[in-house]
Amino acid sequence: MNETTDPTLDQSARAQAVFAHLGHFVGLPLLAPILILMLGEPFAKRQAREALNAHISVLLLGVVCVVGTVVTLGLGVLVAAPVFAVYALVEAIASIQAALRAWEGADYAYPAIARIFN
């Protein structure tokens, strides 16, 4: 995680980065970061890439949990549901932290995610 902040960033770039991180709270977990990647400023694009990686990681874990539950004829839900719930909660908290850091003009690296897009 980069702990340096850039006070010279304009409010627009910071707002775009915050939207990328918090888009999943308004039902746009993949669309918000993708829009920022296409249209945003360089700082916002870096943050959108990180947010997209985090949101895809949650989606992939959800798919793995569903497949595991189906393969085990429903017994896997005893493990899959708590694992997914904890991971999703941690990612939601990390999204809020990331949005706060982005508003300060600092880069944020989500913990425990797949780095699909660099």
PDB file of N, CA and C in Angstrom:
ATOM      1  N   MET A   1       0.854  -1.175   0.000  1.00  0.00           N
ATOM      2  CA  MET A   1       0.000   0.000   0.000  1.00  0.00           C
ATOM      3  C   MET A   1       0.896   1.233   0.000  1.00  0.00           C
ATOM      4  N   ASN A   2       0.595   2.158  -0.852  1.00  0.00           N
ATOM      5  CA  ASN A   2       1.348   3.392  -0.937  1.00  0.00           C
ATOM      6  C   ASN A   2       0.758   4.384   0.059  1.00  0.00           C
ATOM      7  N   GLU A   3       1.561   4.806   0.998  1.00  0.00           N
ATOM      8  CA  GLU A   3       1.060   5.679   2.064  1.00  0.00           C
ATOM      9  C   GLU A   3       1.170   7.169   1.724  1.00  0.00           C
ATOM     10  N   THR A   4       1.695   7.500   0.555  1.00  0.00           N
ATOM     11  CA  THR A   4       1.845   8.907   0.213  1.00  0.00           C
ATOM     12  C   THR A   4       0.532   9.444  -0.352  1.00  0.00           C
ATOM     13  N   THR A   5       0.267  10.690  -0.056  1.00  0.00           N
ATOM     14  CA  THR A   5      -0.926  11.339  -0.595  1.00  0.00           C
ATOM     15  C   THR A   5      -0.498  12.429  -1.550  1.00  0.00           C
ATOM     16  N   ASP A   6      -1.365  12.744  -2.472  1.00  0.00           N
ATOM     17  CA  ASP A   6      -1.090  13.780  -3.460  1.00  0.00           C
ATOM     18  C   ASP A   6      -2.127  14.886  -3.299  1.00  0.00           C
ATOM     19  N   PRO A   7      -1.766  15.949  -2.560  1.00  0.00           N
ATOM     20  CA  PRO A   7      -2.735  17.023  -2.337  1.00  0.00           C
ATOM     21  C   PRO A   7      -3.036  17.839  -3.589  1.00  0.00           C
ATOM     22  N   THR A   8      -2.250  17.636  -4.662  1.00  0.00           N
ATOM     23  CA  THR A   8      -2.475  18.414  -5.880  1.00  0.00           C
ATOM     24  C   THR A   8      -3.574  17.818  -6.757  1.00  0.00           C
ATOM     25  N   LEU A   9      -4.056  16.639  -6.438  1.00  0.00           N
ATOM     26  CA  LEU A   9      -5.126  16.038  -7.235  1.00  0.00           C
ATOM     27  C   LEU A   9      -6.391  16.880  -7.130  1.00  0.00           C
ATOM     28  N   ASP A  10      -7.038  17.059  -8.262  1.00  0.00           N
ATOM     29  CA  ASP A  10      -8.276  17.827  -8.214  1.00  0.00           C
ATOM     30  C   ASP A  10      -9.416  16.962  -7.673  1.00  0.00           C
ATOM     31  N   GLN A  11     -10.469  17.612  -7.302  1.00  0.00           N
ATOM     32  CA  GLN A  11     -11.600  16.936  -6.678  1.00  0.00           C
ATOM     33  C   GLN A  11     -12.257  15.948  -7.645  1.00  0.00           C
ATOM     34  N   SER A  12     -12.214  16.225  -8.914  1.00  0.00           N
ATOM     35  CA  SER A  12     -12.828  15.344  -9.899  1.00  0.00           C
ATOM     36  C   SER A  12     -12.144  13.979  -9.931  1.00  0.00           C
ATOM     37  N   ALA A  13     -10.829  13.964  -9.948  1.00  0.00           N
ATOM     38  CA  ALA A  13     -10.088  12.696  -9.964  1.00  0.00           C
ATOM     39  C   ALA A  13     -10.345  11.903  -8.693  1.00  0.00           C
ATOM     40  N   ARG A  14     -10.379  12.589  -7.567  1.00  0.00           N
ATOM     41  CA  ARG A  14     -10.639  11.899  -6.302  1.00  0.00           C
ATOM     42  C   ARG A  14     -12.066  11.355  -6.253  1.00  0.00           C
ATOM     43  N   ALA A  15     -13.033  12.120  -6.756  1.00  0.00           N
ATOM     44  CA  ALA A  15     -14.432  11.673  -6.763  1.00  0.00           C
ATOM     45  C   ALA A  15     -14.607  10.458  -7.676  1.00  0.00           C
ATOM     46  N   GLN A  16     -13.924  10.453  -8.818  1.00  0.00           N
ATOM     47  CA  GLN A  16     -13.986   9.307  -9.719  1.00  0.00           C
ATOM     48  C   GLN A  16     -13.440   8.056  -9.026  1.00  0.00           C
ATOM     49  N   ALA A  17     -12.324   8.197  -8.318  1.00  0.00           N
ATOM     50  CA  ALA A  17     -11.729   7.065  -7.614  1.00  0.00           C
ATOM     51  C   ALA A  17     -12.656   6.553  -6.516  1.00  0.00           C
ATOM     52  N   VAL A  18     -13.283   7.462  -5.792  1.00  0.00           N
ATOM     53  CA  VAL A  18     -14.223   7.068  -4.737  1.00  0.00           C
ATOM     54  C   VAL A  18     -15.398   6.307  -5.356  1.00  0.00           C
ATOM     55  N   PHE A  19     -15.918   6.778  -6.476  1.00  0.00           N
ATOM     56  CA  PHE A  19     -17.027   6.104  -7.152  1.00  0.00           C
ATOM     57  C   PHE A  19     -16.623   4.697  -7.586  1.00  0.00           C
ATOM     58  N   ALA A  20     -15.400   4.530  -8.066  1.00  0.00           N
ATOM     59  CA  ALA A  20     -14.932   3.205  -8.478  1.00  0.00           C
ATOM     60  C   ALA A  20     -14.921   2.240  -7.298  1.00  0.00           C
ATOM     61  N   HIS A  21     -14.491   2.722  -6.135  1.00  0.00           N
ATOM     62  CA  HIS A  21     -14.421   1.861  -4.951  1.00  0.00           C
ATOM     63  C   HIS A  21     -15.794   1.564  -4.366  1.00  0.00           C
ATOM     64  N   LEU A  22     -16.695   2.521  -4.394  1.00  0.00           N
ATOM     65  CA  LEU A  22     -17.991   2.358  -3.729  1.00  0.00           C
ATOM     66  C   LEU A  22     -19.127   1.998  -4.683  1.00  0.00           C
ATOM     67  N   GLY A  23     -18.805   1.766  -5.935  1.00  0.00           N
ATOM     68  CA  GLY A  23     -19.837   1.445  -6.925  1.00  0.00           C
ATOM     69  C   GLY A  23     -20.653   0.217  -6.588  1.00  0.00           C
ATOM     70  N   HIS A  24     -20.063  -0.743  -5.896  1.00  0.00           N
ATOM     71  CA  HIS A  24     -20.816  -1.963  -5.590  1.00  0.00           C
ATOM     72  C   HIS A  24     -21.903  -1.715  -4.550  1.00  0.00           C
ATOM     73  N   PHE A  25     -21.791  -0.641  -3.773  1.00  0.00           N
ATOM     74  CA  PHE A  25     -22.843  -0.318  -2.807  1.00  0.00           C
ATOM     75  C   PHE A  25     -24.103   0.221  -3.480  1.00  0.00           C
ATOM     76  N   VAL A  26     -23.971   0.674  -4.723  1.00  0.00           N
ATOM     77  CA  VAL A  26     -25.137   1.162  -5.461  1.00  0.00           C
ATOM     78  C   VAL A  26     -25.502   0.226  -6.613  1.00  0.00           C
ATOM     79  N   GLY A  27     -24.995  -1.015  -6.553  1.00  0.00           N
ATOM     80  CA  GLY A  27     -25.362  -2.022  -7.541  1.00  0.00           C
ATOM     81  C   GLY A  27     -24.551  -2.021  -8.815  1.00  0.00           C
ATOM     82  N   LEU A  28     -23.402  -1.375  -8.817  1.00  0.00           N
ATOM     83  CA  LEU A  28     -22.563  -1.326 -10.017  1.00  0.00           C
ATOM     84  C   LEU A  28     -21.157  -1.871  -9.724  1.00  0.00           C
ATOM     85  N   PRO A  29     -21.035  -3.123  -9.257  1.00  0.00           N
ATOM     86  CA  PRO A  29     -19.727  -3.604  -8.818  1.00  0.00           C
ATOM     87  C   PRO A  29     -18.681  -3.690  -9.924  1.00  0.00           C
ATOM     88  N   LEU A  30     -19.096  -3.994 -11.133  1.00  0.00           N
ATOM     89  CA  LEU A  30     -18.139  -4.074 -12.235  1.00  0.00           C
ATOM     90  C   LEU A  30     -18.242  -2.869 -13.162  1.00  0.00           C
ATOM     91  N   LEU A  31     -19.439  -2.349 -13.319  1.00  0.00           N
ATOM     92  CA  LEU A  31     -19.642  -1.240 -14.259  1.00  0.00           C
ATOM     93  C   LEU A  31     -18.943   0.045 -13.806  1.00  0.00           C
ATOM     94  N   ALA A  32     -19.027   0.359 -12.527  1.00  0.00           N
ATOM     95  CA  ALA A  32     -18.418   1.609 -12.040  1.00  0.00           C
ATOM     96  C   ALA A  32     -16.905   1.644 -12.307  1.00  0.00           C
ATOM     97  N   PRO A  33     -16.142   0.613 -11.912  1.00  0.00           N
ATOM     98  CA  PRO A  33     -14.707   0.674 -12.203  1.00  0.00           C
ATOM     99  C   PRO A  33     -14.389   0.655 -13.701  1.00  0.00           C
ATOM    100  N   ILE A  34     -15.194  -0.095 -14.474  1.00  0.00           N
ATOM    101  CA  ILE A  34     -14.935  -0.147 -15.919  1.00  0.00           C
ATOM    102  C   ILE A  34     -15.165   1.229 -16.551  1.00  0.00           C
ATOM    103  N   LEU A  35     -16.224   1.916 -16.150  1.00  0.00           N
ATOM    104  CA  LEU A  35     -16.467   3.271 -16.671  1.00  0.00           C
ATOM    105  C   LEU A  35     -15.317   4.208 -16.335  1.00  0.00           C
ATOM    106  N   ILE A  36     -14.824   4.117 -15.103  1.00  0.00           N
ATOM    107  CA  ILE A  36     -13.707   4.976 -14.702  1.00  0.00           C
ATOM    108  C   ILE A  36     -12.442   4.596 -15.465  1.00  0.00           C
ATOM    109  N   LEU A  37     -12.229   3.309 -15.706  1.00  0.00           N
ATOM    110  CA  LEU A  37     -11.068   2.885 -16.505  1.00  0.00           C
ATOM    111  C   LEU A  37     -11.124   3.462 -17.914  1.00  0.00           C
ATOM    112  N   MET A  38     -12.323   3.560 -18.461  1.00  0.00           N
ATOM    113  CA  MET A  38     -12.459   4.075 -19.826  1.00  0.00           C
ATOM    114  C   MET A  38     -12.405   5.593 -19.880  1.00  0.00           C
ATOM    115  N   LEU A  39     -12.959   6.274 -18.880  1.00  0.00           N
ATOM    116  CA  LEU A  39     -13.158   7.712 -18.982  1.00  0.00           C
ATOM    117  C   LEU A  39     -12.402   8.540 -17.956  1.00  0.00           C
ATOM    118  N   GLY A  40     -11.819   7.905 -16.957  1.00  0.00           N
ATOM    119  CA  GLY A  40     -11.277   8.638 -15.822  1.00  0.00           C
ATOM    120  C   GLY A  40      -9.890   9.213 -16.028  1.00  0.00           C
ATOM    121  N   GLU A  41      -9.474   9.943 -15.021  1.00  0.00           N
ATOM    122  CA  GLU A  41      -8.136  10.525 -14.991  1.00  0.00           C
ATOM    123  C   GLU A  41      -7.151   9.461 -14.500  1.00  0.00           C
ATOM    124  N   PRO A  42      -5.840   9.662 -14.708  1.00  0.00           N
ATOM    125  CA  PRO A  42      -4.853   8.622 -14.367  1.00  0.00           C
ATOM    126  C   PRO A  42      -4.941   8.100 -12.925  1.00  0.00           C
ATOM    127  N   PHE A  43      -5.075   8.973 -11.953  1.00  0.00           N
ATOM    128  CA  PHE A  43      -5.204   8.515 -10.562  1.00  0.00           C
ATOM    129  C   PHE A  43      -6.451   7.668 -10.391  1.00  0.00           C
ATOM    130  N   ALA A  44      -7.554   8.118 -10.949  1.00  0.00           N
ATOM    131  CA  ALA A  44      -8.816   7.382 -10.841  1.00  0.00           C
ATOM    132  C   ALA A  44      -8.723   6.035 -11.559  1.00  0.00           C
ATOM    133  N   LYS A  45      -8.013   5.981 -12.672  1.00  0.00           N
ATOM    134  CA  LYS A  45      -7.847   4.719 -13.401  1.00  0.00           C
ATOM    135  C   LYS A  45      -7.072   3.704 -12.576  1.00  0.00           C
ATOM    136  N   ARG A  46      -6.034   4.147 -11.875  1.00  0.00           N
ATOM    137  CA  ARG A  46      -5.288   3.229 -11.001  1.00  0.00           C
ATOM    138  C   ARG A  46      -6.190   2.670  -9.918  1.00  0.00           C
ATOM    139  N   GLN A  47      -6.984   3.528  -9.328  1.00  0.00           N
ATOM    140  CA  GLN A  47      -7.885   3.099  -8.268  1.00  0.00           C
ATOM    141  C   GLN A  47      -9.002   2.211  -8.818  1.00  0.00           C
ATOM    142  N   ALA A  48      -9.488   2.514 -10.005  1.00  0.00           N
ATOM    143  CA  ALA A  48     -10.539   1.701 -10.620  1.00  0.00           C
ATOM    144  C   ALA A  48     -10.022   0.299 -10.925  1.00  0.00           C
ATOM    145  N   ARG A  49      -8.776   0.201 -11.367  1.00  0.00           N
ATOM    146  CA  ARG A  49      -8.172  -1.104 -11.637  1.00  0.00           C
ATOM    147  C   ARG A  49      -8.121  -1.941 -10.354  1.00  0.00           C
ATOM    148  N   GLU A  50      -7.727  -1.316  -9.268  1.00  0.00           N
ATOM    149  CA  GLU A  50      -7.662  -2.000  -7.981  1.00  0.00           C
ATOM    150  C   GLU A  50      -9.068  -2.416  -7.520  1.00  0.00           C
ATOM    151  N   ALA A  51     -10.041  -1.533  -7.655  1.00  0.00           N
ATOM    152  CA  ALA A  51     -11.415  -1.846  -7.266  1.00  0.00           C
ATOM    153  C   ALA A  51     -11.981  -2.972  -8.133  1.00  0.00           C
ATOM    154  N   LEU A  52     -11.693  -2.939  -9.422  1.00  0.00           N
ATOM    155  CA  LEU A  52     -12.175  -3.987 -10.319  1.00  0.00           C
ATOM    156  C   LEU A  52     -11.593  -5.345  -9.918  1.00  0.00           C
ATOM    157  N   ASN A  53     -10.310  -5.375  -9.599  1.00  0.00           N
ATOM    158  CA  ASN A  53      -9.694  -6.616  -9.129  1.00  0.00           C
ATOM    159  C   ASN A  53     -10.390  -7.129  -7.870  1.00  0.00           C
ATOM    160  N   ALA A  54     -10.697  -6.246  -6.939  1.00  0.00           N
ATOM    161  CA  ALA A  54     -11.348  -6.655  -5.696  1.00  0.00           C
ATOM    162  C   ALA A  54     -12.758  -7.177  -5.968  1.00  0.00           C
ATOM    163  N   HIS A  55     -13.510  -6.493  -6.800  1.00  0.00           N
ATOM    164  CA  HIS A  55     -14.890  -6.898  -7.070  1.00  0.00           C
ATOM    165  C   HIS A  55     -14.923  -8.217  -7.850  1.00  0.00           C
ATOM    166  N   ILE A  56     -13.991  -8.401  -8.766  1.00  0.00           N
ATOM    167  CA  ILE A  56     -13.917  -9.669  -9.503  1.00  0.00           C
ATOM    168  C   ILE A  56     -13.517 -10.801  -8.563  1.00  0.00           C
ATOM    169  N   SER A  57     -12.644 -10.519  -7.605  1.00  0.00           N
ATOM    170  CA  SER A  57     -12.256 -11.542  -6.634  1.00  0.00           C
ATOM    171  C   SER A  57     -13.454 -12.033  -5.833  1.00  0.00           C
ATOM    172  N   VAL A  58     -14.316 -11.123  -5.418  1.00  0.00           N
ATOM    173  CA  VAL A  58     -15.527 -11.513  -4.685  1.00  0.00           C
ATOM    174  C   VAL A  58     -16.440 -12.334  -5.594  1.00  0.00           C
ATOM    175  N   LEU A  59     -16.579 -11.907  -6.834  1.00  0.00           N
ATOM    176  CA  LEU A  59     -17.418 -12.640  -7.785  1.00  0.00           C
ATOM    177  C   LEU A  59     -16.882 -14.054  -8.004  1.00  0.00           C
ATOM    178  N   LEU A  60     -15.572 -14.184  -8.196  1.00  0.00           N
ATOM    179  CA  LEU A  60     -14.970 -15.504  -8.402  1.00  0.00           C
ATOM    180  C   LEU A  60     -15.146 -16.398  -7.176  1.00  0.00           C
ATOM    181  N   LEU A  61     -14.975 -15.842  -5.991  1.00  0.00           N
ATOM    182  CA  LEU A  61     -15.186 -16.627  -4.786  1.00  0.00           C
ATOM    183  C   LEU A  61     -16.639 -17.078  -4.684  1.00  0.00           C
ATOM    184  N   GLY A  62     -17.562 -16.226  -5.064  1.00  0.00           N
ATOM    185  CA  GLY A  62     -18.974 -16.605  -5.076  1.00  0.00           C
ATOM    186  C   GLY A  62     -19.240 -17.762  -6.023  1.00  0.00           C
ATOM    187  N   VAL A  63     -18.637 -17.719  -7.195  1.00  0.00           N
ATOM    188  CA  VAL A  63     -18.801 -18.807  -8.167  1.00  0.00           C
ATOM    189  C   VAL A  63     -18.220 -20.103  -7.607  1.00  0.00           C
ATOM    190  N   VAL A  64     -17.034 -20.027  -7.006  1.00  0.00           N
ATOM    191  CA  VAL A  64     -16.415 -21.214  -6.409  1.00  0.00           C
ATOM    192  C   VAL A  64     -17.295 -21.782  -5.296  1.00  0.00           C
ATOM    193  N   CYS A  65     -17.859 -20.914  -4.484  1.00  0.00           N
ATOM    194  CA  CYS A  65     -18.742 -21.369  -3.400  1.00  0.00           C
ATOM    195  C   CYS A  65     -19.995 -22.049  -3.943  1.00  0.00           C
ATOM    196  N   VAL A  66     -20.591 -21.498  -4.975  1.00  0.00           N
ATOM    197  CA  VAL A  66     -21.783 -22.103  -5.567  1.00  0.00           C
ATOM    198  C   VAL A  66     -21.441 -23.448  -6.193  1.00  0.00           C
ATOM    199  N   VAL A  67     -20.351 -23.509  -6.935  1.00  0.00           N
ATOM    200  CA  VAL A  67     -19.943 -24.774  -7.553  1.00  0.00           C
ATOM    201  C   VAL A  67     -19.647 -25.813  -6.478  1.00  0.00           C
ATOM    202  N   GLY A  68     -18.941 -25.403  -5.430  1.00  0.00           N
ATOM    203  CA  GLY A  68     -18.652 -26.329  -4.344  1.00  0.00           C
ATOM    204  C   GLY A  68     -19.907 -26.834  -3.668  1.00  0.00           C
ATOM    205  N   THR A  69     -20.878 -25.986  -3.537  1.00  0.00           N
ATOM    206  CA  THR A  69     -22.144 -26.393  -2.927  1.00  0.00           C
ATOM    207  C   THR A  69     -22.895 -27.368  -3.825  1.00  0.00           C
ATOM    208  N   VAL A  70     -22.912 -27.109  -5.118  1.00  0.00           N
ATOM    209  CA  VAL A  70     -23.602 -27.992  -6.055  1.00  0.00           C
ATOM    210  C   VAL A  70     -22.902 -29.349  -6.131  1.00  0.00           C
ATOM    211  N   VAL A  71     -21.583 -29.336  -6.216  1.00  0.00           N
ATOM    212  CA  VAL A  71     -20.822 -30.584  -6.329  1.00  0.00           C
ATOM    213  C   VAL A  71     -21.005 -31.464  -5.096  1.00  0.00           C
ATOM    214  N   THR A  72     -21.111 -30.854  -3.940  1.00  0.00           N
ATOM    215  CA  THR A  72     -21.291 -31.627  -2.701  1.00  0.00           C
ATOM    216  C   THR A  72     -22.757 -31.841  -2.359  1.00  0.00           C
ATOM    217  N   LEU A  73     -23.624 -31.612  -3.326  1.00  0.00           N
ATOM    218  CA  LEU A  73     -25.065 -31.809  -3.156  1.00  0.00           C
ATOM    219  C   LEU A  73     -25.631 -31.028  -1.976  1.00  0.00           C
ATOM    220  N   GLY A  74     -25.139 -29.833  -1.797  1.00  0.00           N
ATOM    221  CA  GLY A  74     -25.666 -28.939  -0.782  1.00  0.00           C
ATOM    222  C   GLY A  74     -24.889 -28.900   0.511  1.00  0.00           C
ATOM    223  N   LEU A  75     -24.078 -29.904   0.784  1.00  0.00           N
ATOM    224  CA  LEU A  75     -23.331 -29.921   2.038  1.00  0.00           C
ATOM    225  C   LEU A  75     -22.241 -28.850   2.079  1.00  0.00           C
ATOM    226  N   GLY A  76     -21.743 -28.474   0.926  1.00  0.00           N
ATOM    227  CA  GLY A  76     -20.697 -27.461   0.857  1.00  0.00           C
ATOM    228  C   GLY A  76     -21.139 -26.102   1.359  1.00  0.00           C
ATOM    229  N   VAL A  77     -22.446 -25.883   1.408  1.00  0.00           N
ATOM    230  CA  VAL A  77     -22.946 -24.597   1.883  1.00  0.00           C
ATOM    231  C   VAL A  77     -22.564 -24.368   3.338  1.00  0.00           C
ATOM    232  N   LEU A  78     -22.346 -25.428   4.090  1.00  0.00           N
ATOM    233  CA  LEU A  78     -21.946 -25.288   5.492  1.00  0.00           C
ATOM    234  C   LEU A  78     -20.589 -24.605   5.627  1.00  0.00           C
ATOM    235  N   VAL A  79     -19.742 -24.779   4.632  1.00  0.00           N
ATOM    236  CA  VAL A  79     -18.440 -24.118   4.623  1.00  0.00           C
ATOM    237  C   VAL A  79     -18.479 -22.879   3.736  1.00  0.00           C
ATOM    238  N   ALA A  80     -19.109 -23.004   2.580  1.00  0.00           N
ATOM    239  CA  ALA A  80     -19.076 -21.934   1.582  1.00  0.00           C
ATOM    240  C   ALA A  80     -19.760 -20.657   2.063  1.00  0.00           C
ATOM    241  N   ALA A  81     -20.899 -20.775   2.678  1.00  0.00           N
ATOM    242  CA  ALA A  81     -21.652 -19.586   3.096  1.00  0.00           C
ATOM    243  C   ALA A  81     -20.877 -18.745   4.106  1.00  0.00           C
ATOM    244  N   PRO A  82     -20.332 -19.342   5.180  1.00  0.00           N
ATOM    245  CA  PRO A  82     -19.568 -18.510   6.119  1.00  0.00           C
ATOM    246  C   PRO A  82     -18.295 -17.933   5.501  1.00  0.00           C
ATOM    247  N   VAL A  83     -17.613 -18.721   4.675  1.00  0.00           N
ATOM    248  CA  VAL A  83     -16.384 -18.222   4.037  1.00  0.00           C
ATOM    249  C   VAL A  83     -16.709 -17.036   3.142  1.00  0.00           C
ATOM    250  N   PHE A  84     -17.744 -17.183   2.323  1.00  0.00           N
ATOM    251  CA  PHE A  84     -18.109 -16.092   1.427  1.00  0.00           C
ATOM    252  C   PHE A  84     -18.574 -14.872   2.208  1.00  0.00           C
ATOM    253  N   ALA A  85     -19.361 -15.078   3.245  1.00  0.00           N
ATOM    254  CA  ALA A  85     -19.863 -13.951   4.038  1.00  0.00           C
ATOM    255  C   ALA A  85     -18.726 -13.164   4.675  1.00  0.00           C
ATOM    256  N   VAL A  86     -17.765 -13.871   5.240  1.00  0.00           N
ATOM    257  CA  VAL A  86     -16.625 -13.185   5.872  1.00  0.00           C
ATOM    258  C   VAL A  86     -15.805 -12.441   4.832  1.00  0.00           C
ATOM    259  N   TYR A  87     -15.520 -13.097   3.693  1.00  0.00           N
ATOM    260  CA  TYR A  87     -14.723 -12.450   2.650  1.00  0.00           C
ATOM    261  C   TYR A  87     -15.441 -11.224   2.090  1.00  0.00           C
ATOM    262  N   ALA A  88     -16.731 -11.333   1.856  1.00  0.00           N
ATOM    263  CA  ALA A  88     -17.498 -10.200   1.327  1.00  0.00           C
ATOM    264  C   ALA A  88     -17.525  -9.049   2.318  1.00  0.00           C
ATOM    265  N   LEU A  89     -17.643  -9.359   3.599  1.00  0.00           N
ATOM    266  CA  LEU A  89     -17.627  -8.314   4.624  1.00  0.00           C
ATOM    267  C   LEU A  89     -16.269  -7.614   4.677  1.00  0.00           C
ATOM    268  N   VAL A  90     -15.207  -8.390   4.628  1.00  0.00           N
ATOM    269  CA  VAL A  90     -13.854  -7.810   4.642  1.00  0.00           C
ATOM    270  C   VAL A  90     -13.658  -6.927   3.411  1.00  0.00           C
ATOM    271  N   GLU A  91     -14.128  -7.386   2.264  1.00  0.00           N
ATOM    272  CA  GLU A  91     -13.982  -6.594   1.044  1.00  0.00           C
ATOM    273  C   GLU A  91     -14.820  -5.324   1.103  1.00  0.00           C
ATOM    274  N   ALA A  92     -15.984  -5.376   1.710  1.00  0.00           N
ATOM    275  CA  ALA A  92     -16.820  -4.175   1.849  1.00  0.00           C
ATOM    276  C   ALA A  92     -16.134  -3.151   2.757  1.00  0.00           C
ATOM    277  N   ILE A  93     -15.574  -3.624   3.849  1.00  0.00           N
ATOM    278  CA  ILE A  93     -14.844  -2.717   4.749  1.00  0.00           C
ATOM    279  C   ILE A  93     -13.628  -2.135   4.042  1.00  0.00           C
ATOM    280  N   ALA A  94     -12.916  -2.983   3.286  1.00  0.00           N
ATOM    281  CA  ALA A  94     -11.748  -2.504   2.544  1.00  0.00           C
ATOM    282  C   ALA A  94     -12.151  -1.482   1.484  1.00  0.00           C
ATOM    283  N   SER A  95     -13.329  -1.643   0.888  1.00  0.00           N
ATOM    284  CA  SER A  95     -13.814  -0.672  -0.106  1.00  0.00           C
ATOM    285  C   SER A  95     -14.017   0.701   0.526  1.00  0.00           C
ATOM    286  N   ILE A  96     -14.559   0.698   1.729  1.00  0.00           N
ATOM    287  CA  ILE A  96     -14.763   1.970   2.427  1.00  0.00           C
ATOM    288  C   ILE A  96     -13.416   2.601   2.765  1.00  0.00           C
ATOM    289  N   GLN A  97     -12.470   1.784   3.236  1.00  0.00           N
ATOM    290  CA  GLN A  97     -11.134   2.299   3.522  1.00  0.00           C
ATOM    291  C   GLN A  97     -10.480   2.832   2.247  1.00  0.00           C
ATOM    292  N   ALA A  98     -10.646   2.108   1.150  1.00  0.00           N
ATOM    293  CA  ALA A  98     -10.066   2.536  -0.120  1.00  0.00           C
ATOM    294  C   ALA A  98     -10.664   3.859  -0.578  1.00  0.00           C
ATOM    295  N   ALA A  99     -11.965   4.011  -0.413  1.00  0.00           N
ATOM    296  CA  ALA A  99     -12.617   5.264  -0.808  1.00  0.00           C
ATOM    297  C   ALA A  99     -12.106   6.429   0.034  1.00  0.00           C
ATOM    298  N   LEU A 100     -11.939   6.196   1.327  1.00  0.00           N
ATOM    299  CA  LEU A 100     -11.399   7.256   2.185  1.00  0.00           C
ATOM    300  C   LEU A 100      -9.980   7.629   1.786  1.00  0.00           C
ATOM    301  N   ARG A 101      -9.157   6.623   1.498  1.00  0.00           N
ATOM    302  CA  ARG A 101      -7.780   6.895   1.067  1.00  0.00           C
ATOM    303  C   ARG A 101      -7.766   7.615  -0.287  1.00  0.00           C
ATOM    304  N   ALA A 102      -8.657   7.205  -1.186  1.00  0.00           N
ATOM    305  CA  ALA A 102      -8.721   7.847  -2.500  1.00  0.00           C
ATOM    306  C   ALA A 102      -9.139   9.305  -2.363  1.00  0.00           C
ATOM    307  N   TRP A 103     -10.065   9.589  -1.457  1.00  0.00           N
ATOM    308  CA  TRP A 103     -10.484  10.971  -1.258  1.00  0.00           C
ATOM    309  C   TRP A 103      -9.329  11.820  -0.745  1.00  0.00           C
ATOM    310  N   GLU A 104      -8.415  11.192   0.003  1.00  0.00           N
ATOM    311  CA  GLU A 104      -7.216  11.896   0.478  1.00  0.00           C
ATOM    312  C   GLU A 104      -6.162  12.039  -0.614  1.00  0.00           C
ATOM    313  N   GLY A 105      -6.353  11.344  -1.731  1.00  0.00           N
ATOM    314  CA  GLY A 105      -5.399  11.395  -2.829  1.00  0.00           C
ATOM    315  C   GLY A 105      -4.322  10.332  -2.743  1.00  0.00           C
ATOM    316  N   ALA A 106      -4.581   9.265  -2.001  1.00  0.00           N
ATOM    317  CA  ALA A 106      -3.590   8.201  -1.824  1.00  0.00           C
ATOM    318  C   ALA A 106      -4.037   6.926  -2.523  1.00  0.00           C
ATOM    319  N   ASP A 107      -3.082   6.175  -3.020  1.00  0.00           N
ATOM    320  CA  ASP A 107      -3.374   4.870  -3.599  1.00  0.00           C
ATOM    321  C   ASP A 107      -3.690   3.890  -2.472  1.00  0.00           C
ATOM    322  N   TYR A 108      -4.486   2.886  -2.791  1.00  0.00           N
ATOM    323  CA  TYR A 108      -4.857   1.870  -1.810  1.00  0.00           C
ATOM    324  C   TYR A 108      -4.763   0.507  -2.478  1.00  0.00           C
ATOM    325  N   ALA A 109      -4.209  -0.458  -1.772  1.00  0.00           N
ATOM    326  CA  ALA A 109      -4.133  -1.833  -2.266  1.00  0.00           C
ATOM    327  C   ALA A 109      -5.017  -2.706  -1.388  1.00  0.00           C
ATOM    328  N   TYR A 110      -6.005  -3.346  -1.996  1.00  0.00           N
ATOM    329  CA  TYR A 110      -6.900  -4.226  -1.255  1.00  0.00           C
ATOM    330  C   TYR A 110      -6.124  -5.441  -0.758  1.00  0.00           C
ATOM    331  N   PRO A 111      -6.460  -5.920   0.439  1.00  0.00           N
ATOM    332  CA  PRO A 111      -5.817  -7.139   0.927  1.00  0.00           C
ATOM    333  C   PRO A 111      -6.493  -8.382   0.333  1.00  0.00           C
ATOM    334  N   ALA A 112      -5.719  -9.415   0.094  1.00  0.00           N
ATOM    335  CA  ALA A 112      -6.228 -10.741  -0.281  1.00  0.00           C
ATOM    336  C   ALA A 112      -7.142 -10.729  -1.494  1.00  0.00           C
ATOM    337  N   ILE A 113      -6.670 -10.164  -2.597  1.00  0.00           N
ATOM    338  CA  ILE A 113      -7.456 -10.216  -3.837  1.00  0.00           C
ATOM    339  C   ILE A 113      -6.586 -10.766  -4.954  1.00  0.00           C
ATOM    340  N   ALA A 114      -7.232 -11.233  -5.992  1.00  0.00           N
ATOM    341  CA  ALA A 114      -6.524 -11.688  -7.194  1.00  0.00           C
ATOM    342  C   ALA A 114      -6.180 -10.451  -8.019  1.00  0.00           C
ATOM    343  N   ARG A 115      -4.923 -10.304  -8.364  1.00  0.00           N
ATOM    344  CA  ARG A 115      -4.486  -9.171  -9.189  1.00  0.00           C
ATOM    345  C   ARG A 115      -4.611  -9.572 -10.662  1.00  0.00           C
ATOM    346  N   ILE A 116      -5.807  -9.451 -11.192  1.00  0.00           N
ATOM    347  CA  ILE A 116      -6.089  -9.863 -12.553  1.00  0.00           C
ATOM    348  C   ILE A 116      -5.638  -8.789 -13.541  1.00  0.00           C
ATOM    349  N   PHE A 117      -5.945  -7.544 -13.228  1.00  0.00           N
ATOM    350  CA  PHE A 117      -5.564  -6.426 -14.096  1.00  0.00           C
ATOM    351  C   PHE A 117      -4.461  -5.637 -13.414  1.00  0.00           C
ATOM    352  N   ASN A 118      -3.354  -5.465 -14.117  1.00  0.00           N
ATOM    353  CA  ASN A 118      -2.231  -4.676 -13.550  1.00  0.00           C
ATOM    354  C   ASN A 118      -2.168  -3.302 -14.143  1.00  0.00           C
TER     355      ASN A 118
END
